[in-house]
Amino acid sequence: MMPDLTEYLWIVWLVLALLFVIVELLTLEFTFLMLAAGTLVGGLGVNLLGGPWWLQVGAAAAISALLLFTIRPLLLRALRRSTGNAKTNVDALFGIGGRVLAPFVDGAGSVKLDNGETWTARPAAGVADASLGPGDRVTVAAVRGATVEVAPATAQHEEEAEHG
């Protein structure tokens, strides 16, 4: 006599939910998380209450669709709102302060920026080489490839750098 396979349908619901969670960990878009929740609440829930297999599938599909169209957009909006538009890489260098390490000779020198990086530098347009000596505070005016253009720091920038 063959066993009734619908008696073991709860295992299928658990495996399917676990599979959806694993895929969600790879995608991070909340789609498969909603499917996993629908699978657990709808499919497994109706199974544990003794519902027929077609009702289990229908409940899982309905709850998954409900979650996808109601909860998922709210989660995505909250996730995207919390991540600010932080400047990174070269964009983060504009306006950062630093100190001149080596004197400027023929328009080229060296500066150590407040983020700890040492850059080849040249004076910004309208700034003379002689006005920037070792130890002077500067501000990055532009980034040109692997060279930063710097200008003397204003008094406001110097106070901010000294007081953190």
Protein backbone atom coordinates (compact mmCIF):
# COMPACT_ATOMS: atom_id res chain seq x y z
CA MET A 1 0.00 0.00 0.00
CA MET A 2 1.36 3.45 -1.02
CA PRO A 3 1.55 6.17 1.64
CA ASP A 4 -0.50 9.32 1.10
CA LEU A 5 2.12 11.92 0.05
CA THR A 6 -0.07 14.79 1.19
CA GLU A 7 0.74 13.74 4.76
CA TYR A 8 4.33 14.88 4.13
CA LEU A 9 3.44 18.16 2.46
CA TRP A 10 4.56 20.08 5.53
CA ILE A 11 8.15 19.08 4.72
CA VAL A 12 7.77 20.53 1.23
CA TRP A 13 6.55 23.84 2.69
CA LEU A 14 9.50 24.04 5.08
CA VAL A 15 12.04 23.22 2.36
CA LEU A 16 10.45 25.74 0.00
CA ALA A 17 10.53 28.45 2.67
CA LEU A 18 14.19 27.68 3.43
CA LEU A 19 15.01 27.83 -0.28
CA PHE A 20 13.29 31.22 -0.58
CA VAL A 21 15.24 32.55 2.41
CA ILE A 22 18.54 31.41 0.89
CA VAL A 23 17.73 33.08 -2.43
CA GLU A 24 16.69 36.23 -0.54
CA LEU A 25 20.10 36.35 1.15
CA LEU A 26 21.66 36.44 -2.31
CA THR A 27 19.34 39.08 -3.82
CA LEU A 28 18.46 41.35 -0.87
CA GLU A 29 15.34 42.78 -2.52
CA PHE A 30 12.69 41.44 -0.08
CA THR A 31 10.91 39.56 -2.90
CA PHE A 32 11.84 36.05 -1.84
CA LEU A 33 11.43 36.99 1.81
CA MET A 34 7.78 37.78 1.10
CA LEU A 35 7.43 34.46 -0.75
CA ALA A 36 8.98 32.63 2.21
CA ALA A 37 6.58 34.31 4.62
CA GLY A 38 3.62 33.44 2.40
CA THR A 39 4.85 29.88 2.18
CA LEU A 40 5.16 29.53 5.95
CA VAL A 41 1.98 31.35 6.94
CA GLY A 42 -0.23 30.28 4.07
CA GLY A 43 1.05 26.89 3.00
CA LEU A 44 2.36 25.47 6.24
CA GLY A 45 -0.29 27.20 8.34
CA VAL A 46 -3.20 25.73 6.35
CA ASN A 47 -1.41 22.36 6.32
CA LEU A 48 -1.15 22.32 10.12
CA LEU A 49 -4.83 23.23 10.36
CA GLY A 50 -5.66 20.21 8.19
CA GLY A 51 -6.62 22.00 4.97
CA PRO A 52 -6.45 20.26 1.57
CA TRP A 53 -3.38 20.73 -0.67
CA TRP A 54 -5.17 23.05 -3.11
CA LEU A 55 -6.18 25.36 -0.25
CA GLN A 56 -2.59 25.35 1.01
CA VAL A 57 -1.28 26.41 -2.41
CA GLY A 58 -3.97 29.07 -2.76
CA ALA A 59 -3.35 30.49 0.71
CA ALA A 60 0.42 30.57 0.13
CA ALA A 61 -0.05 32.37 -3.20
CA ALA A 62 -2.57 34.85 -1.80
CA ILE A 63 -0.51 35.74 1.28
CA SER A 64 2.69 36.00 -0.77
CA ALA A 65 0.99 38.36 -3.25
CA LEU A 66 -0.47 40.43 -0.43
CA LEU A 67 2.95 40.78 1.21
CA LEU A 68 4.66 41.56 -2.10
CA PHE A 69 2.31 44.42 -2.90
CA THR A 70 1.87 45.88 0.60
CA ILE A 71 4.81 45.20 2.92
CA ARG A 72 7.68 44.98 0.39
CA PRO A 73 7.29 48.56 -0.97
CA LEU A 74 7.26 49.91 2.59
CA LEU A 75 10.41 47.98 3.48
CA LEU A 76 12.20 49.13 0.32
CA ARG A 77 11.23 52.77 0.93
CA ALA A 78 12.49 52.59 4.52
CA LEU A 79 15.73 50.94 3.41
CA ARG A 80 16.44 53.50 0.71
CA ARG A 81 15.54 56.43 2.94
CA SER A 82 18.03 55.40 5.61
CA THR A 83 20.97 55.33 3.21
CA GLY A 84 22.16 58.87 2.63
CA ASN A 85 24.01 60.01 -0.44
CA ALA A 86 27.45 59.86 1.13
CA LYS A 87 30.25 61.07 -1.08
CA THR A 88 32.94 58.48 -1.69
CA ASN A 89 36.26 58.15 -3.47
CA VAL A 90 37.32 61.26 -5.40
CA ASP A 91 34.02 63.06 -4.75
CA ALA A 92 34.76 63.00 -1.01
CA LEU A 93 38.08 64.84 -1.48
CA PHE A 94 36.61 68.14 -2.67
CA GLY A 95 36.75 70.65 0.20
CA ILE A 96 38.74 68.40 2.55
CA GLY A 97 41.56 70.05 4.48
CA GLY A 98 45.20 69.10 4.70
CA ARG A 99 48.75 70.26 5.40
CA VAL A 100 51.55 70.97 2.97
CA LEU A 101 54.36 68.43 3.37
CA ALA A 102 56.87 69.58 0.78
CA PRO A 103 57.37 73.06 -0.63
CA PHE A 104 55.88 73.76 -4.04
CA VAL A 105 58.55 73.88 -6.74
CA ASP A 106 57.57 74.62 -10.33
CA GLY A 107 53.90 74.18 -9.43
CA ALA A 108 54.25 70.74 -7.83
CA GLY A 109 54.31 69.78 -4.16
CA SER A 110 52.97 67.28 -1.67
CA VAL A 111 50.13 67.48 0.83
CA LYS A 112 48.80 65.20 3.54
CA LEU A 113 45.01 65.36 3.65
CA ASP A 114 42.98 65.17 6.86
CA ASN A 115 41.84 61.65 5.89
CA GLY A 116 45.47 60.47 6.17
CA GLU A 117 46.24 60.20 2.45
CA THR A 118 49.31 61.84 0.92
CA TRP A 119 48.75 63.36 -2.52
CA THR A 120 50.82 65.09 -5.14
CA ALA A 121 49.50 68.63 -5.28
CA ARG A 122 49.68 71.83 -7.23
CA PRO A 123 48.34 75.24 -6.34
CA ALA A 124 44.85 76.13 -7.55
CA ALA A 125 44.46 78.81 -10.20
CA GLY A 126 45.50 82.22 -8.87
CA VAL A 127 47.58 80.83 -5.99
CA ALA A 128 51.35 81.41 -6.08
CA ASP A 129 53.83 78.64 -5.20
CA ALA A 130 55.48 80.86 -2.61
CA SER A 131 52.24 81.35 -0.67
CA LEU A 132 52.15 77.64 0.29
CA GLY A 133 54.93 76.48 2.60
CA PRO A 134 55.44 73.27 4.59
CA GLY A 135 52.97 72.99 7.46
CA ASP A 136 50.45 75.42 5.95
CA ARG A 137 46.77 74.42 6.03
CA VAL A 138 45.19 73.95 2.61
CA THR A 139 41.82 72.93 1.20
CA VAL A 140 41.31 70.73 -1.86
CA ALA A 141 39.82 72.84 -4.65
CA ALA A 142 39.80 70.15 -7.37
CA VAL A 143 41.07 66.69 -8.22
CA ARG A 144 42.86 66.24 -11.54
CA GLY A 145 43.77 62.58 -11.98
CA ALA A 146 46.26 61.66 -9.26
CA THR A 147 46.92 65.29 -8.36
CA VAL A 148 44.90 67.60 -6.14
CA GLU A 149 44.68 71.34 -6.65
CA VAL A 150 44.86 73.12 -3.32
CA ALA A 151 44.22 76.62 -2.04
CA PRO A 152 45.18 78.15 1.30
CA ALA A 153 42.63 77.26 3.98
CA THR A 154 40.47 80.06 5.31
CA ALA A 155 40.38 80.83 9.03
CA GLN A 156 37.05 79.00 9.34
CA HIS A 157 38.52 75.78 7.88
CA GLU A 158 41.54 76.03 10.17
CA GLU A 159 39.32 76.30 13.30
CA GLU A 160 37.22 73.31 12.16
CA ALA A 161 40.34 71.20 11.56
CA GLU A 162 41.87 72.07 14.94
CA HIS A 163 38.68 71.48 16.94
CA GLY A 164 37.55 68.40 15.03
